[in-house]
N, C-alpha and C. Protein backbone atom coordinates (compact mmCIF):
# COMPACT_ATOMS: atom_id res chain seq x y z
N MET A 1 -181.09 -122.54 74.01
CA MET A 1 -180.98 -121.66 75.31
C MET A 1 -180.56 -122.31 76.43
N LEU A 2 -181.47 -123.27 76.83
CA LEU A 2 -180.07 -123.98 77.83
C LEU A 2 -179.06 -123.63 78.31
N LEU A 3 -177.85 -123.02 77.41
CA LEU A 3 -176.56 -122.77 77.88
C LEU A 3 -176.91 -121.33 78.53
N ALA A 4 -178.09 -120.16 77.77
CA ALA A 4 -178.26 -119.46 78.30
C ALA A 4 -178.43 -119.39 79.51
N VAL A 5 -179.54 -120.44 79.84
CA VAL A 5 -180.25 -120.21 81.06
C VAL A 5 -178.64 -120.70 81.79
N VAL A 6 -178.43 -121.39 81.55
CA VAL A 6 -177.25 -121.86 82.76
C VAL A 6 -175.96 -120.78 83.12
N ALA A 7 -175.90 -119.94 81.86
CA ALA A 7 -175.25 -119.09 81.77
C ALA A 7 -175.58 -117.02 82.92
N GLY A 8 -177.03 -117.48 81.86
CA GLY A 8 -177.24 -115.77 83.19
C GLY A 8 -178.02 -116.65 85.12
N SER A 9 -177.90 -118.08 84.84
CA SER A 9 -178.30 -118.50 86.76
C SER A 9 -176.44 -118.48 87.40
N LEU A 10 -176.07 -118.98 86.61
CA LEU A 10 -174.56 -118.35 87.44
C LEU A 10 -173.89 -116.85 87.70
N LEU A 11 -173.82 -116.65 86.78
CA LEU A 11 -173.93 -114.48 86.76
C LEU A 11 -174.79 -114.01 87.85
N GLY A 12 -176.17 -115.35 87.90
CA GLY A 12 -177.06 -114.64 89.46
C GLY A 12 -176.14 -115.16 90.45
N VAL A 13 -175.70 -116.11 90.53
CA VAL A 13 -175.10 -116.51 91.45
C VAL A 13 -173.63 -115.96 91.84
N PHE A 14 -173.28 -115.85 90.82
CA PHE A 14 -172.43 -114.87 91.40
C PHE A 14 -172.91 -113.15 91.64
N ALA A 15 -173.58 -112.64 91.21
CA ALA A 15 -174.06 -111.41 91.85
C ALA A 15 -173.94 -111.82 93.36
N VAL A 16 -175.45 -112.38 93.99
CA VAL A 16 -174.57 -112.52 95.62
C VAL A 16 -173.91 -113.10 96.12
N LEU A 17 -173.22 -113.83 95.32
CA LEU A 17 -171.55 -114.08 96.12
C LEU A 17 -171.39 -113.34 96.46
N THR A 18 -170.79 -111.58 95.18
CA THR A 18 -170.62 -111.08 95.16
C THR A 18 -170.58 -109.58 96.76
N LYS A 19 -172.26 -109.88 96.90
CA LYS A 19 -172.64 -109.36 98.46
C LYS A 19 -171.35 -110.18 99.74
N GLY A 20 -171.70 -111.30 99.90
CA GLY A 20 -171.02 -111.98 100.76
C GLY A 20 -169.33 -111.54 100.31
N ILE A 21 -168.59 -111.18 99.59
CA ILE A 21 -167.06 -110.84 99.22
C ILE A 21 -166.95 -109.27 99.68
N VAL A 22 -167.65 -109.09 99.67
CA VAL A 22 -167.36 -107.69 99.97
C VAL A 22 -167.57 -107.52 101.32
N ASP A 23 -168.37 -107.68 101.85
CA ASP A 23 -168.32 -107.87 103.36
C ASP A 23 -167.42 -108.27 103.92
N VAL A 24 -167.01 -109.73 103.32
CA VAL A 24 -165.62 -110.30 104.18
C VAL A 24 -164.85 -108.75 104.39
N ILE A 25 -164.97 -108.58 102.56
CA ILE A 25 -163.35 -107.46 103.07
C ILE A 25 -163.28 -106.46 103.12
N GLU A 26 -164.53 -105.89 103.52
CA GLU A 26 -165.10 -105.21 104.43
C GLU A 26 -164.36 -105.03 106.34
N HIS A 27 -164.77 -106.38 106.25
CA HIS A 27 -163.56 -106.44 107.99
C HIS A 27 -162.49 -106.90 107.79
N ASP A 28 -162.05 -107.47 107.07
CA ASP A 28 -161.08 -108.40 107.12
C ASP A 28 -160.40 -109.14 105.86
N ALA A 29 -159.85 -108.03 104.61
CA ALA A 29 -159.24 -108.56 103.33
C ALA A 29 -158.53 -109.52 103.51
N GLY A 30 -157.93 -109.70 104.51
CA GLY A 30 -156.70 -111.13 104.74
C GLY A 30 -156.87 -112.81 104.44
N HIS A 31 -158.36 -112.18 105.39
CA HIS A 31 -159.18 -113.34 105.86
C HIS A 31 -159.38 -114.19 103.99
N LEU A 32 -160.14 -113.17 103.49
CA LEU A 32 -160.60 -113.40 101.61
C LEU A 32 -160.16 -114.79 101.08
N LEU A 33 -158.86 -115.16 101.03
CA LEU A 33 -158.30 -115.89 100.34
C LEU A 33 -158.55 -117.92 101.38
N ARG A 34 -159.11 -117.85 102.39
CA ARG A 34 -159.00 -119.04 103.50
C ARG A 34 -161.16 -118.90 103.72
N THR A 35 -162.18 -118.19 103.02
CA THR A 35 -163.36 -118.40 102.71
C THR A 35 -163.94 -118.84 101.63
N PRO A 36 -164.25 -120.54 101.90
CA PRO A 36 -165.37 -120.89 100.99
C PRO A 36 -165.98 -119.52 99.66
N GLU A 37 -166.21 -118.50 99.46
CA GLU A 37 -166.67 -118.10 99.18
C GLU A 37 -166.84 -117.77 98.32
N PHE A 38 -165.75 -117.31 98.93
CA PHE A 38 -164.42 -116.23 97.32
C PHE A 38 -164.08 -117.68 96.12
N TYR A 39 -164.00 -118.98 96.66
CA TYR A 39 -163.71 -119.80 95.46
C TYR A 39 -164.80 -120.24 94.92
N ALA A 40 -166.31 -120.13 95.41
CA ALA A 40 -167.25 -120.34 94.88
C ALA A 40 -168.42 -119.18 93.88
N TRP A 41 -167.33 -117.40 94.18
CA TRP A 41 -167.45 -115.93 93.17
C TRP A 41 -166.09 -116.79 92.21
N VAL A 42 -165.46 -116.94 92.51
CA VAL A 42 -164.82 -116.78 91.51
C VAL A 42 -165.33 -118.42 90.61
N PHE A 43 -165.86 -119.42 90.65
CA PHE A 43 -166.04 -120.17 90.01
C PHE A 43 -167.08 -119.94 89.12
N ALA A 44 -167.66 -119.26 89.76
CA ALA A 44 -169.46 -118.82 89.53
C ALA A 44 -169.31 -118.45 88.43
N GLY A 45 -168.19 -117.02 88.93
CA GLY A 45 -167.85 -115.78 87.92
C GLY A 45 -167.14 -116.30 86.28
N VAL A 46 -166.41 -117.15 86.42
CA VAL A 46 -165.58 -117.77 85.75
C VAL A 46 -166.12 -118.71 84.82
N ALA A 47 -166.78 -119.48 85.10
CA ALA A 47 -168.13 -120.22 84.47
C ALA A 47 -169.44 -119.08 83.56
N GLY A 48 -169.86 -118.50 84.28
CA GLY A 48 -170.81 -117.34 83.99
C GLY A 48 -170.38 -117.62 82.31
N MET A 49 -169.03 -116.64 82.65
CA MET A 49 -168.38 -116.46 81.51
C MET A 49 -168.31 -116.73 80.40
N ILE A 50 -168.05 -118.62 80.71
CA ILE A 50 -167.59 -119.48 79.73
C ILE A 50 -169.15 -119.71 78.74
N TYR A 51 -169.62 -119.97 80.21
CA TYR A 51 -171.38 -120.18 79.61
C TYR A 51 -171.46 -119.24 78.38
N HIS A 52 -171.51 -118.34 79.51
CA HIS A 52 -172.07 -116.71 78.58
C HIS A 52 -171.76 -116.72 77.04
N GLN A 53 -170.40 -116.73 76.83
CA GLN A 53 -169.89 -116.82 75.43
C GLN A 53 -170.78 -118.54 74.58
N SER A 54 -170.98 -119.15 74.79
CA SER A 54 -170.86 -120.31 75.04
C SER A 54 -172.49 -120.49 73.83
N ALA A 55 -173.08 -119.53 75.22
CA ALA A 55 -174.59 -119.58 74.66
C ALA A 55 -174.46 -118.52 72.95
N TYR A 56 -174.11 -117.19 73.33
CA TYR A 56 -174.09 -116.62 71.70
C TYR A 56 -173.09 -117.26 70.76
N ARG A 57 -172.59 -118.95 71.14
CA ARG A 57 -171.79 -119.05 70.02
C ARG A 57 -173.10 -120.48 69.49
N ALA A 58 -173.66 -120.89 70.07
CA ALA A 58 -174.15 -122.06 70.06
C ALA A 58 -175.88 -121.22 69.48
N GLY A 59 -176.49 -120.29 69.44
CA GLY A 59 -177.78 -119.84 68.50
C GLY A 59 -177.25 -118.82 68.55
N ALA A 60 -178.51 -117.97 67.73
CA ALA A 60 -178.85 -116.67 67.44
C ALA A 60 -179.05 -115.57 68.74
N LEU A 61 -178.03 -114.50 68.76
CA LEU A 61 -177.95 -113.88 69.60
C LEU A 61 -179.80 -113.17 70.41
N THR A 62 -180.53 -113.52 69.41
CA THR A 62 -182.22 -113.47 69.82
C THR A 62 -182.79 -113.79 70.92
N ALA A 63 -181.89 -114.84 71.12
CA ALA A 63 -182.38 -115.93 71.79
C ALA A 63 -181.70 -115.64 72.77
N SER A 64 -180.36 -116.09 72.83
CA SER A 64 -179.60 -116.59 73.38
C SER A 64 -179.56 -114.57 75.00
N PHE A 65 -179.54 -113.61 74.51
CA PHE A 65 -179.04 -112.61 75.38
C PHE A 65 -180.86 -112.51 75.59
N PRO A 66 -181.55 -112.80 75.48
CA PRO A 66 -182.03 -112.39 76.07
C PRO A 66 -182.80 -113.26 77.92
N THR A 67 -182.86 -114.51 76.99
CA THR A 67 -182.83 -115.51 78.36
C THR A 67 -181.98 -115.41 79.33
N ILE A 68 -180.79 -114.30 79.05
CA ILE A 68 -179.08 -114.33 79.66
C ILE A 68 -180.51 -113.05 80.81
N ILE A 69 -180.83 -111.81 80.09
CA ILE A 69 -181.14 -111.08 80.58
C ILE A 69 -182.10 -111.16 81.45
N VAL A 70 -183.06 -112.22 81.14
CA VAL A 70 -184.28 -112.45 82.31
C VAL A 70 -183.55 -113.60 83.50
N ALA A 71 -182.61 -114.09 83.25
CA ALA A 71 -182.49 -115.32 84.23
C ALA A 71 -181.02 -114.74 84.97
N LYS A 72 -180.47 -113.52 85.15
CA LYS A 72 -179.89 -113.53 85.67
C LYS A 72 -180.55 -112.17 86.88
N PRO A 73 -181.38 -111.24 86.50
CA PRO A 73 -181.81 -110.63 87.37
C PRO A 73 -183.26 -111.54 88.75
N LEU A 74 -183.37 -112.78 87.93
CA LEU A 74 -184.13 -113.86 88.15
C LEU A 74 -183.63 -115.00 89.16
N VAL A 75 -183.06 -115.47 88.86
CA VAL A 75 -181.68 -115.93 89.46
C VAL A 75 -181.79 -115.16 91.11
N GLY A 76 -181.14 -114.06 90.94
CA GLY A 76 -180.20 -113.18 91.98
C GLY A 76 -181.49 -112.71 93.30
N GLY A 77 -182.44 -112.44 92.47
CA GLY A 77 -183.55 -111.74 93.65
C GLY A 77 -184.25 -112.98 94.34
N VAL A 78 -183.94 -114.00 94.24
CA VAL A 78 -185.04 -115.77 94.42
C VAL A 78 -183.61 -115.97 95.42
N LEU A 79 -182.13 -116.01 94.99
CA LEU A 79 -181.81 -116.15 95.99
C LEU A 79 -181.81 -114.97 96.94
N GLY A 80 -181.64 -113.67 96.38
CA GLY A 80 -180.78 -112.78 97.41
C GLY A 80 -182.57 -112.77 98.36
N VAL A 81 -183.78 -113.36 98.66
CA VAL A 81 -184.97 -112.77 99.60
C VAL A 81 -184.10 -114.37 99.99
N THR A 82 -184.47 -115.81 99.60
CA THR A 82 -183.70 -117.09 100.01
C THR A 82 -182.82 -117.05 101.31
N VAL A 83 -181.87 -116.48 100.41
CA VAL A 83 -180.59 -116.83 100.92
C VAL A 83 -180.26 -115.67 101.44
N LEU A 84 -180.07 -114.94 100.89
CA LEU A 84 -179.54 -112.95 101.89
C LEU A 84 -180.76 -112.94 102.66
N GLY A 85 -181.87 -113.24 103.05
CA GLY A 85 -182.78 -112.05 103.35
C GLY A 85 -183.25 -111.45 102.60
N GLU A 86 -183.63 -111.49 101.86
CA GLU A 86 -183.43 -109.04 101.30
C GLU A 86 -184.71 -109.45 101.60
N THR A 87 -185.69 -107.91 101.73
CA THR A 87 -187.14 -107.74 101.43
C THR A 87 -187.53 -107.18 100.31
N LEU A 88 -188.53 -107.11 99.64
CA LEU A 88 -189.34 -106.22 98.72
C LEU A 88 -190.67 -105.70 98.95
N ARG A 89 -190.20 -104.38 99.67
CA ARG A 89 -191.02 -102.97 99.81
C ARG A 89 -192.02 -102.69 98.79
N ALA A 90 -193.20 -103.31 99.24
CA ALA A 90 -194.37 -103.38 97.61
C ALA A 90 -195.39 -103.16 98.55
N ASP A 91 -196.50 -102.58 97.95
CA ASP A 91 -198.14 -102.75 98.40
C ASP A 91 -198.57 -103.25 97.01
N GLY A 92 -200.13 -103.55 97.15
CA GLY A 92 -200.64 -104.35 95.96
C GLY A 92 -200.46 -104.43 94.66
N THR A 93 -200.48 -102.91 94.28
CA THR A 93 -200.92 -102.08 93.71
C THR A 93 -199.03 -102.89 93.03
N GLY A 94 -197.52 -102.50 93.58
CA GLY A 94 -196.86 -102.35 93.43
C GLY A 94 -196.32 -104.30 92.92
N TRP A 95 -196.57 -104.74 93.70
CA TRP A 95 -196.95 -106.05 93.61
C TRP A 95 -197.17 -106.93 92.11
N LEU A 96 -199.16 -106.41 92.13
CA LEU A 96 -199.09 -106.19 90.58
C LEU A 96 -198.47 -106.43 88.98
N VAL A 97 -197.30 -104.78 89.49
CA VAL A 97 -196.61 -104.26 88.25
C VAL A 97 -195.47 -105.18 88.11
N LEU A 98 -195.19 -104.95 89.00
CA LEU A 98 -193.79 -106.51 89.17
C LEU A 98 -194.16 -107.72 88.51
N ALA A 99 -195.48 -108.21 88.96
CA ALA A 99 -195.78 -110.06 88.61
C ALA A 99 -195.65 -109.55 86.84
N MET A 100 -196.59 -108.37 86.95
CA MET A 100 -197.01 -108.66 85.52
C MET A 100 -195.50 -107.73 84.34
N GLY A 101 -195.42 -107.34 84.80
CA GLY A 101 -193.52 -106.65 84.08
C GLY A 101 -192.44 -108.77 83.98
N ALA A 102 -192.57 -108.85 85.24
CA ALA A 102 -191.60 -110.90 84.94
C ALA A 102 -192.54 -111.75 84.20
N ALA A 103 -193.74 -111.52 84.62
CA ALA A 103 -194.27 -112.10 82.99
C ALA A 103 -194.09 -111.40 82.29
N LEU A 104 -194.01 -110.39 81.68
CA LEU A 104 -194.19 -110.01 80.63
C LEU A 104 -192.63 -110.60 79.46
N VAL A 105 -192.06 -109.86 80.52
CA VAL A 105 -190.38 -110.44 80.22
C VAL A 105 -190.07 -111.99 79.69
N MET A 106 -190.60 -112.42 80.86
CA MET A 106 -190.69 -113.78 80.38
C MET A 106 -191.09 -114.49 78.98
N VAL A 107 -192.44 -114.31 78.88
CA VAL A 107 -193.52 -114.63 77.82
C VAL A 107 -192.05 -113.75 76.36
N ALA A 108 -191.77 -112.36 76.89
CA ALA A 108 -191.15 -111.71 75.62
C ALA A 108 -189.96 -112.72 74.93
N THR A 109 -189.38 -113.29 76.10
CA THR A 109 -188.13 -113.83 76.14
C THR A 109 -188.45 -115.25 75.28
N VAL A 110 -189.90 -115.71 75.57
CA VAL A 110 -189.53 -117.58 74.97
C VAL A 110 -190.91 -117.28 73.62
N ALA A 111 -191.02 -115.91 73.49
CA ALA A 111 -191.42 -116.30 72.08
C ALA A 111 -189.93 -115.31 71.25
N LEU A 112 -189.27 -114.91 71.00
CA LEU A 112 -188.06 -114.42 71.07
C LEU A 112 -187.28 -115.69 70.58
N ALA A 113 -187.33 -116.54 71.19
CA ALA A 113 -186.82 -118.08 71.39
C ALA A 113 -187.04 -119.02 70.15
N ARG A 114 -189.00 -118.91 70.14
CA ARG A 114 -189.16 -120.01 69.12
C ARG A 114 -189.79 -118.46 68.05
N GLY A 115 -189.06 -118.04 67.33
CA GLY A 115 -189.64 -116.64 66.32
C GLY A 115 -188.04 -117.00 65.57
N GLU A 116 -187.06 -117.58 66.76
CA GLU A 116 -185.46 -118.01 65.75
C GLU A 116 -185.78 -118.88 65.55
N ALA A 117 -186.39 -120.26 66.00
CA ALA A 117 -186.38 -121.83 66.19
C ALA A 117 -187.46 -121.42 64.45
N ALA A 118 -187.89 -120.80 64.58
CA ALA A 118 -188.71 -121.23 63.30
C ALA A 118 -188.00 -120.41 61.88
N THR A 119 -187.54 -119.53 62.60
CA THR A 119 -186.82 -118.18 61.25
C THR A 119 -185.33 -119.71 60.50
N VAL A 120 -184.82 -119.80 62.66
CA VAL A 120 -183.59 -120.98 62.03
C VAL A 120 -184.51 -122.28 61.03
N GLY A 121 -185.55 -122.69 60.99
CA GLY A 121 -186.15 -124.19 60.26
C GLY A 121 -186.21 -124.26 58.92
N ALA A 122 -187.34 -122.70 58.49
CA ALA A 122 -187.53 -122.75 57.38
C ALA A 122 -185.88 -122.53 56.64
N GLY A 123 -185.26 -121.80 56.64
CA GLY A 123 -183.62 -122.24 56.55
C GLY A 123 -183.17 -120.65 56.19
N ALA A 124 -184.10 -119.63 57.04
CA ALA A 124 -183.84 -118.11 56.21
C ALA A 124 -182.29 -118.09 57.18
N GLY A 125 -181.83 -117.54 56.51
CA GLY A 125 -180.48 -116.76 56.90
C GLY A 125 -179.53 -117.93 56.04
N ARG A 126 -179.19 -118.36 55.27
CA ARG A 126 -178.31 -119.35 54.69
C ARG A 126 -178.25 -118.55 53.71
N ASP A 127 -176.46 -118.55 53.23
CA ASP A 127 -176.11 -117.70 52.12
C ASP A 127 -176.95 -118.69 50.83
N VAL A 128 -177.42 -117.87 49.97
CA VAL A 128 -177.86 -118.11 48.35
C VAL A 128 -177.46 -118.25 47.55
N ARG A 129 -177.35 -118.82 47.31
CA ARG A 129 -176.22 -119.67 45.61
C ARG A 129 -176.79 -119.33 43.85
N ILE A 130 -176.39 -118.16 43.62
CA ILE A 130 -176.62 -117.88 41.91
C ILE A 130 -176.32 -119.00 41.33
N ALA A 131 -177.38 -119.34 40.30
CA ALA A 131 -177.41 -120.22 40.37
C ALA A 131 -176.89 -119.87 38.19
N GLU A 132 -176.62 -118.71 37.88
CA GLU A 132 -176.46 -118.30 36.62
C GLU A 132 -176.06 -116.82 36.50
N ARG A 133 -174.71 -116.29 36.47
CA ARG A 133 -174.33 -114.75 36.26
C ARG A 133 -174.49 -114.50 34.76
N PRO A 134 -175.07 -113.17 34.96
CA PRO A 134 -175.36 -112.46 33.56
C PRO A 134 -174.10 -112.79 33.05
N ALA A 135 -174.21 -112.39 31.73
CA ALA A 135 -173.47 -112.90 31.34
C ALA A 135 -172.86 -111.18 30.33
N VAL A 136 -173.78 -109.47 30.58
CA VAL A 136 -172.52 -108.96 30.59
C VAL A 136 -172.87 -108.21 31.62
N PRO A 137 -172.21 -107.35 31.74
CA PRO A 137 -171.66 -106.75 32.93
C PRO A 137 -173.18 -105.32 33.37
N SER A 138 -173.20 -105.47 34.11
CA SER A 138 -174.66 -103.97 34.71
C SER A 138 -173.54 -103.18 34.17
N PRO A 139 -174.20 -102.07 33.39
CA PRO A 139 -173.96 -100.49 33.46
C PRO A 139 -173.81 -99.72 34.23
N GLY A 140 -172.26 -99.36 34.28
CA GLY A 140 -171.36 -98.82 34.47
C GLY A 140 -170.51 -98.95 35.41
N VAL A 141 -170.57 -100.63 35.34
CA VAL A 141 -169.25 -101.58 36.31
C VAL A 141 -168.69 -101.73 34.65
N SER A 142 -167.35 -101.45 35.36
CA SER A 142 -166.05 -102.25 34.49
C SER A 142 -165.48 -103.30 35.13
N ALA A 143 -165.24 -103.47 33.55
CA ALA A 143 -164.62 -104.88 33.94
C ALA A 143 -163.03 -105.09 34.05
């Protein structure tokens, strides 16, 4: 699950850096290769995809996929507000709904990861070896 957190975080950083890249392209596309944001953007994108695929290979999809889905917008949103100065407009009820939705998504992600860990710990999903094969073929099966 740690690989999934890293993957989602890097892809969230990639999304934030994309805003800077678009701004540079908008003003002077020839200047793009001379900006440090471009190289950080490429690194975050490539590393994010590598960790993304590694997270899928390291564990079950039911644990890594929701973690990546939660980490991307969480990191992107926090960086957007703190670094880029973005704002969220919501009233009292809106903030309550946002907080409850975020909490629900995080709790569901942890529950999925724990459920997957319990399944793996119990040995479910492994191939079962048949001890004895029947001597007589089933009816309707030709030998």
